[in-house]
Amino acid sequence: MSNFIEKLTDWILEKEEEAAKKCYISQDDIEAQIKKTQAKRDELAKKCQDELSTIDSLIERLEKIKTESCKKD
C-alpha cells in the first residue's frame, strides 16, 4: 500500500511541476504547500523523538533489571 501511495505522490508532484512551469499554479500556493509539508515533517520528527525517548527509557530499565538479576552459576 505504501508503494502505491509513494507512486501516486510522485505522479501528483510531476503533474504539479508541469502545471507550475506553465504558470497554472501560483507561487503562493506552492509556498503554502511547502509550509504545510514542513510543519508535518516537524510534527513527525517530534513524535519520533518522543517515541525514541520512550524506547531508550525502556532499554535503560531492562539493562538495570539485567544487572540486578540473580545470576546462575
PDB file of N, CA and C in Angstrom:
ATOM      1  N   MET A   1       0.817  -1.195   0.000  1.00  0.00           N
ATOM      2  CA  MET A   1       0.000   0.000   0.000  1.00  0.00           C
ATOM      3  C   MET A   1       0.860   1.258   0.000  1.00  0.00           C
ATOM      4  N   SER A   2       1.933   1.261   0.813  1.00  0.00           N
ATOM      5  CA  SER A   2       2.778   2.460   0.852  1.00  0.00           C
ATOM      6  C   SER A   2       3.472   2.688  -0.493  1.00  0.00           C
ATOM      7  N   ASN A   3       3.773   1.600  -1.214  1.00  0.00           N
ATOM      8  CA  ASN A   3       4.376   1.732  -2.541  1.00  0.00           C
ATOM      9  C   ASN A   3       3.398   2.441  -3.482  1.00  0.00           C
ATOM     10  N   PHE A   4       2.126   2.090  -3.388  1.00  0.00           N
ATOM     11  CA  PHE A   4       1.097   2.732  -4.208  1.00  0.00           C
ATOM     12  C   PHE A   4       1.011   4.220  -3.877  1.00  0.00           C
ATOM     13  N   ILE A   5       0.992   4.536  -2.598  1.00  0.00           N
ATOM     14  CA  ILE A   5       0.902   5.937  -2.172  1.00  0.00           C
ATOM     15  C   ILE A   5       2.130   6.719  -2.625  1.00  0.00           C
ATOM     16  N   GLU A   6       3.291   6.088  -2.540  1.00  0.00           N
ATOM     17  CA  GLU A   6       4.524   6.743  -2.986  1.00  0.00           C
ATOM     18  C   GLU A   6       4.464   7.042  -4.482  1.00  0.00           C
ATOM     19  N   LYS A   7       4.016   6.075  -5.268  1.00  0.00           N
ATOM     20  CA  LYS A   7       3.906   6.282  -6.720  1.00  0.00           C
ATOM     21  C   LYS A   7       2.872   7.352  -7.039  1.00  0.00           C
ATOM     22  N   LEU A   8       1.749   7.323  -6.317  1.00  0.00           N
ATOM     23  CA  LEU A   8       0.710   8.320  -6.526  1.00  0.00           C
ATOM     24  C   LEU A   8       1.227   9.717  -6.194  1.00  0.00           C
ATOM     25  N   THR A   9       1.954   9.833  -5.093  1.00  0.00           N
ATOM     26  CA  THR A   9       2.526  11.121  -4.692  1.00  0.00           C
ATOM     27  C   THR A   9       3.510  11.624  -5.743  1.00  0.00           C
ATOM     28  N   ASP A  10       4.361  10.729  -6.249  1.00  0.00           N
ATOM     29  CA  ASP A  10       5.310  11.118  -7.299  1.00  0.00           C
ATOM     30  C   ASP A  10       4.572  11.615  -8.538  1.00  0.00           C
ATOM     31  N   TRP A  11       3.511  10.906  -8.915  1.00  0.00           N
ATOM     32  CA  TRP A  11       2.729  11.284 -10.095  1.00  0.00           C
ATOM     33  C   TRP A  11       2.103  12.663  -9.888  1.00  0.00           C
ATOM     34  N   ILE A  12       1.517  12.887  -8.717  1.00  0.00           N
ATOM     35  CA  ILE A  12       0.888  14.177  -8.420  1.00  0.00           C
ATOM     36  C   ILE A  12       1.923  15.300  -8.474  1.00  0.00           C
ATOM     37  N   LEU A  13       3.099  15.049  -7.889  1.00  0.00           N
ATOM     38  CA  LEU A  13       4.145  16.080  -7.904  1.00  0.00           C
ATOM     39  C   LEU A  13       4.640  16.364  -9.322  1.00  0.00           C
ATOM     40  N   GLU A  14       4.713  15.337 -10.156  1.00  0.00           N
ATOM     41  CA  GLU A  14       5.102  15.549 -11.553  1.00  0.00           C
ATOM     42  C   GLU A  14       4.086  16.441 -12.260  1.00  0.00           C
ATOM     43  N   LYS A  15       2.799  16.155 -12.042  1.00  0.00           N
ATOM     44  CA  LYS A  15       1.744  16.962 -12.658  1.00  0.00           C
ATOM     45  C   LYS A  15       1.763  18.391 -12.124  1.00  0.00           C
ATOM     46  N   GLU A  16       2.032  18.538 -10.841  1.00  0.00           N
ATOM     47  CA  GLU A  16       2.108  19.864 -10.242  1.00  0.00           C
ATOM     48  C   GLU A  16       3.302  20.634 -10.800  1.00  0.00           C
ATOM     49  N   GLU A  17       4.411  19.925 -10.987  1.00  0.00           N
ATOM     50  CA  GLU A  17       5.594  20.573 -11.558  1.00  0.00           C
ATOM     51  C   GLU A  17       5.298  21.065 -12.977  1.00  0.00           C
ATOM     52  N   GLU A  18       4.638  20.236 -13.766  1.00  0.00           N
ATOM     53  CA  GLU A  18       4.267  20.642 -15.128  1.00  0.00           C
ATOM     54  C   GLU A  18       3.352  21.862 -15.097  1.00  0.00           C
ATOM     55  N   ALA A  19       2.379  21.850 -14.186  1.00  0.00           N
ATOM     56  CA  ALA A  19       1.443  22.968 -14.084  1.00  0.00           C
ATOM     57  C   ALA A  19       2.163  24.247 -13.641  1.00  0.00           C
ATOM     58  N   ALA A  20       3.117  24.114 -12.730  1.00  0.00           N
ATOM     59  CA  ALA A  20       3.863  25.283 -12.252  1.00  0.00           C
ATOM     60  C   ALA A  20       4.703  25.885 -13.375  1.00  0.00           C
ATOM     61  N   LYS A  21       5.293  25.028 -14.196  1.00  0.00           N
ATOM     62  CA  LYS A  21       6.101  25.527 -15.312  1.00  0.00           C
ATOM     63  C   LYS A  21       5.252  26.302 -16.310  1.00  0.00           C
ATOM     64  N   LYS A  22       3.969  25.941 -16.405  1.00  0.00           N
ATOM     65  CA  LYS A  22       3.056  26.631 -17.330  1.00  0.00           C
ATOM     66  C   LYS A  22       2.293  27.753 -16.622  1.00  0.00           C
ATOM     67  N   CYS A  23       2.701  28.059 -15.400  1.00  0.00           N
ATOM     68  CA  CYS A  23       2.113  29.137 -14.594  1.00  0.00           C
ATOM     69  C   CYS A  23       0.639  28.888 -14.271  1.00  0.00           C
ATOM     70  N   TYR A  24       0.238  27.622 -14.158  1.00  0.00           N
ATOM     71  CA  TYR A  24      -1.132  27.285 -13.763  1.00  0.00           C
ATOM     72  C   TYR A  24      -1.277  27.269 -12.238  1.00  0.00           C
ATOM     73  N   ILE A  25      -0.158  27.249 -11.529  1.00  0.00           N
ATOM     74  CA  ILE A  25      -0.162  27.238 -10.070  1.00  0.00           C
ATOM     75  C   ILE A  25       0.625  28.458  -9.600  1.00  0.00           C
ATOM     76  N   SER A  26       0.052  29.181  -8.661  1.00  0.00           N
ATOM     77  CA  SER A  26       0.724  30.391  -8.187  1.00  0.00           C
ATOM     78  C   SER A  26       1.853  30.042  -7.225  1.00  0.00           C
ATOM     79  N   GLN A  27       2.793  30.956  -7.124  1.00  0.00           N
ATOM     80  CA  GLN A  27       3.907  30.796  -6.187  1.00  0.00           C
ATOM     81  C   GLN A  27       3.391  30.726  -4.750  1.00  0.00           C
ATOM     82  N   ASP A  28       2.320  31.467  -4.467  1.00  0.00           N
ATOM     83  CA  ASP A  28       1.746  31.446  -3.116  1.00  0.00           C
ATOM     84  C   ASP A  28       1.207  30.061  -2.764  1.00  0.00           C
ATOM     85  N   ASP A  29       0.570  29.403  -3.733  1.00  0.00           N
ATOM     86  CA  ASP A  29       0.055  28.051  -3.492  1.00  0.00           C
ATOM     87  C   ASP A  29       1.189  27.069  -3.226  1.00  0.00           C
ATOM     88  N   ILE A  30       2.252  27.199  -3.992  1.00  0.00           N
ATOM     89  CA  ILE A  30       3.409  26.318  -3.807  1.00  0.00           C
ATOM     90  C   ILE A  30       4.046  26.579  -2.443  1.00  0.00           C
ATOM     91  N   GLU A  31       4.170  27.843  -2.078  1.00  0.00           N
ATOM     92  CA  GLU A  31       4.753  28.196  -0.774  1.00  0.00           C
ATOM     93  C   GLU A  31       3.889  27.652   0.364  1.00  0.00           C
ATOM     94  N   ALA A  32       2.575  27.718   0.218  1.00  0.00           N
ATOM     95  CA  ALA A  32       1.673  27.183   1.241  1.00  0.00           C
ATOM     96  C   ALA A  32       1.853  25.675   1.387  1.00  0.00           C
ATOM     97  N   GLN A  33       2.023  24.988   0.261  1.00  0.00           N
ATOM     98  CA  GLN A  33       2.252  23.543   0.308  1.00  0.00           C
ATOM     99  C   GLN A  33       3.583  23.213   0.976  1.00  0.00           C
ATOM    100  N   ILE A  34       4.595  24.012   0.685  1.00  0.00           N
ATOM    101  CA  ILE A  34       5.902  23.802   1.313  1.00  0.00           C
ATOM    102  C   ILE A  34       5.791  23.963   2.823  1.00  0.00           C
ATOM    103  N   LYS A  35       5.138  25.024   3.273  1.00  0.00           N
ATOM    104  CA  LYS A  35       4.996  25.270   4.711  1.00  0.00           C
ATOM    105  C   LYS A  35       4.196  24.161   5.386  1.00  0.00           C
ATOM    106  N   LYS A  36       3.140  23.713   4.737  1.00  0.00           N
ATOM    107  CA  LYS A  36       2.320  22.633   5.296  1.00  0.00           C
ATOM    108  C   LYS A  36       3.129  21.345   5.409  1.00  0.00           C
ATOM    109  N   THR A  37       3.923  21.053   4.386  1.00  0.00           N
ATOM    110  CA  THR A  37       4.744  19.847   4.389  1.00  0.00           C
ATOM    111  C   THR A  37       5.847  19.930   5.438  1.00  0.00           C
ATOM    112  N   GLN A  38       6.454  21.096   5.580  1.00  0.00           N
ATOM    113  CA  GLN A  38       7.484  21.280   6.609  1.00  0.00           C
ATOM    114  C   GLN A  38       6.894  21.131   8.007  1.00  0.00           C
ATOM    115  N   ALA A  39       5.694  21.653   8.209  1.00  0.00           N
ATOM    116  CA  ALA A  39       5.038  21.523   9.517  1.00  0.00           C
ATOM    117  C   ALA A  39       4.761  20.056   9.830  1.00  0.00           C
ATOM    118  N   LYS A  40       4.329  19.308   8.827  1.00  0.00           N
ATOM    119  CA  LYS A  40       4.073  17.877   9.018  1.00  0.00           C
ATOM    120  C   LYS A  40       5.373  17.145   9.342  1.00  0.00           C
ATOM    121  N   ARG A  41       6.460  17.505   8.646  1.00  0.00           N
ATOM    122  CA  ARG A  41       7.765  16.899   8.912  1.00  0.00           C
ATOM    123  C   ARG A  41       8.195  17.174  10.349  1.00  0.00           C
ATOM    124  N   ASP A  42       8.036  18.409  10.786  1.00  0.00           N
ATOM    125  CA  ASP A  42       8.416  18.771  12.150  1.00  0.00           C
ATOM    126  C   ASP A  42       7.581  18.011  13.176  1.00  0.00           C
ATOM    127  N   GLU A  43       6.289  17.880  12.890  1.00  0.00           N
ATOM    128  CA  GLU A  43       5.392  17.129  13.787  1.00  0.00           C
ATOM    129  C   GLU A  43       5.828  15.667  13.888  1.00  0.00           C
ATOM    130  N   LEU A  44       6.142  15.068  12.742  1.00  0.00           N
ATOM    131  CA  LEU A  44       6.586  13.667  12.736  1.00  0.00           C
ATOM    132  C   LEU A  44       7.938  13.505  13.422  1.00  0.00           C
ATOM    133  N   ALA A  45       8.833  14.468  13.230  1.00  0.00           N
ATOM    134  CA  ALA A  45      10.149  14.394  13.872  1.00  0.00           C
ATOM    135  C   ALA A  45      10.000  14.430  15.389  1.00  0.00           C
ATOM    136  N   LYS A  46       9.119  15.286  15.890  1.00  0.00           N
ATOM    137  CA  LYS A  46       8.894  15.368  17.332  1.00  0.00           C
ATOM    138  C   LYS A  46       8.285  14.065  17.850  1.00  0.00           C
ATOM    139  N   LYS A  47       7.307  13.553  17.116  1.00  0.00           N
ATOM    140  CA  LYS A  47       6.668  12.307  17.532  1.00  0.00           C
ATOM    141  C   LYS A  47       7.692  11.167  17.563  1.00  0.00           C
ATOM    142  N   CYS A  48       8.522  11.089  16.545  1.00  0.00           N
ATOM    143  CA  CYS A  48       9.559  10.046  16.509  1.00  0.00           C
ATOM    144  C   CYS A  48      10.542  10.217  17.662  1.00  0.00           C
ATOM    145  N   GLN A  49      10.936  11.445  17.937  1.00  0.00           N
ATOM    146  CA  GLN A  49      11.869  11.701  19.036  1.00  0.00           C
ATOM    147  C   GLN A  49      11.260  11.288  20.362  1.00  0.00           C
ATOM    148  N   ASP A  50       9.968  11.596  20.546  1.00  0.00           N
ATOM    149  CA  ASP A  50       9.279  11.194  21.775  1.00  0.00           C
ATOM    150  C   ASP A  50       9.246   9.673  21.908  1.00  0.00           C
ATOM    151  N   GLU A  51       8.955   8.996  20.806  1.00  0.00           N
ATOM    152  CA  GLU A  51       8.909   7.533  20.818  1.00  0.00           C
ATOM    153  C   GLU A  51      10.294   6.943  21.110  1.00  0.00           C
ATOM    154  N   LEU A  52      11.324   7.533  20.509  1.00  0.00           N
ATOM    155  CA  LEU A  52      12.689   7.057  20.759  1.00  0.00           C
ATOM    156  C   LEU A  52      13.087   7.253  22.217  1.00  0.00           C
ATOM    157  N   SER A  53      12.663   8.358  22.803  1.00  0.00           N
ATOM    158  CA  SER A  53      12.953   8.603  24.219  1.00  0.00           C
ATOM    159  C   SER A  53      12.293   7.543  25.090  1.00  0.00           C
ATOM    160  N   THR A  54      11.068   7.199  24.754  1.00  0.00           N
ATOM    161  CA  THR A  54      10.359   6.156  25.495  1.00  0.00           C
ATOM    162  C   THR A  54      11.078   4.816  25.371  1.00  0.00           C
ATOM    163  N   ILE A  55      11.505   4.486  24.176  1.00  0.00           N
ATOM    164  CA  ILE A  55      12.221   3.227  23.953  1.00  0.00           C
ATOM    165  C   ILE A  55      13.546   3.224  24.690  1.00  0.00           C
ATOM    166  N   ASP A  56      14.249   4.353  24.664  1.00  0.00           N
ATOM    167  CA  ASP A  56      15.516   4.450  25.396  1.00  0.00           C
ATOM    168  C   ASP A  56      15.307   4.219  26.890  1.00  0.00           C
ATOM    169  N   SER A  57      14.228   4.775  27.424  1.00  0.00           N
ATOM    170  CA  SER A  57      13.917   4.565  28.846  1.00  0.00           C
ATOM    171  C   SER A  57      13.658   3.095  29.139  1.00  0.00           C
ATOM    172  N   LEU A  58      12.939   2.442  28.254  1.00  0.00           N
ATOM    173  CA  LEU A  58      12.677   1.011  28.428  1.00  0.00           C
ATOM    174  C   LEU A  58      13.968   0.200  28.400  1.00  0.00           C
ATOM    175  N   ILE A  59      14.843   0.540  27.487  1.00  0.00           N
ATOM    176  CA  ILE A  59      16.126  -0.163  27.382  1.00  0.00           C
ATOM    177  C   ILE A  59      16.930   0.035  28.662  1.00  0.00           C
ATOM    178  N   GLU A  60      16.961   1.267  29.164  1.00  0.00           N
ATOM    179  CA  GLU A  60      17.693   1.536  30.410  1.00  0.00           C
ATOM    180  C   GLU A  60      17.126   0.718  31.566  1.00  0.00           C
ATOM    181  N   ARG A  61      15.817   0.658  31.663  1.00  0.00           N
ATOM    182  CA  ARG A  61      15.196  -0.115  32.746  1.00  0.00           C
ATOM    183  C   ARG A  61      15.518  -1.607  32.605  1.00  0.00           C
ATOM    184  N   LEU A  62      15.472  -2.106  31.374  1.00  0.00           N
ATOM    185  CA  LEU A  62      15.791  -3.516  31.155  1.00  0.00           C
ATOM    186  C   LEU A  62      17.257  -3.812  31.466  1.00  0.00           C
ATOM    187  N   GLU A  63      18.142  -2.889  31.104  1.00  0.00           N
ATOM    188  CA  GLU A  63      19.556  -3.063  31.425  1.00  0.00           C
ATOM    189  C   GLU A  63      19.759  -3.103  32.937  1.00  0.00           C
ATOM    190  N   LYS A  64      19.035  -2.248  33.652  1.00  0.00           N
ATOM    191  CA  LYS A  64      19.121  -2.228  35.102  1.00  0.00           C
ATOM    192  C   LYS A  64      18.610  -3.546  35.687  1.00  0.00           C
ATOM    193  N   ILE A  65      17.489  -4.017  35.163  1.00  0.00           N
ATOM    194  CA  ILE A  65      16.937  -5.301  35.620  1.00  0.00           C
ATOM    195  C   ILE A  65      17.940  -6.421  35.359  1.00  0.00           C
ATOM    196  N   LYS A  66      18.568  -6.375  34.210  1.00  0.00           N
ATOM    197  CA  LYS A  66      19.553  -7.401  33.854  1.00  0.00           C
ATOM    198  C   LYS A  66      20.722  -7.406  34.830  1.00  0.00           C
ATOM    199  N   THR A  67      21.247  -6.236  35.167  1.00  0.00           N
ATOM    200  CA  THR A  67      22.409  -6.170  36.068  1.00  0.00           C
ATOM    201  C   THR A  67      22.046  -6.542  37.504  1.00  0.00           C
ATOM    202  N   GLU A  68      20.800  -6.310  37.874  1.00  0.00           N
ATOM    203  CA  GLU A  68      20.362  -6.608  39.233  1.00  0.00           C
ATOM    204  C   GLU A  68      19.780  -8.020  39.388  1.00  0.00           C
ATOM    205  N   SER A  69      19.662  -8.727  38.284  1.00  0.00           N
ATOM    206  CA  SER A  69      19.034 -10.054  38.359  1.00  0.00           C
ATOM    207  C   SER A  69      19.958 -11.070  39.007  1.00  0.00           C
ATOM    208  N   CYS A  70      19.342 -12.115  39.510  1.00  0.00           N
ATOM    209  CA  CYS A  70      20.114 -13.208  40.096  1.00  0.00           C
ATOM    210  C   CYS A  70      20.900 -13.900  39.001  1.00  0.00           C
ATOM    211  N   LYS A  71      22.133 -14.186  39.304  1.00  0.00           N
ATOM    212  CA  LYS A  71      22.973 -14.837  38.314  1.00  0.00           C
ATOM    213  C   LYS A  71      23.122 -16.304  38.712  1.00  0.00           C
ATOM    214  N   LYS A  72      22.878 -17.143  37.727  1.00  0.00           N
ATOM    215  CA  LYS A  72      23.046 -18.582  37.977  1.00  0.00           C
ATOM    216  C   LYS A  72      24.487 -18.960  37.684  1.00  0.00           C
ATOM    217  N   ASP A  73      25.048 -19.715  38.570  1.00  0.00           N
ATOM    218  CA  ASP A  73      26.446 -20.143  38.392  1.00  0.00           C
ATOM    219  C   ASP A  73      26.533 -21.476  37.700  1.00  0.00           C
TER     220      ASP A  73
END
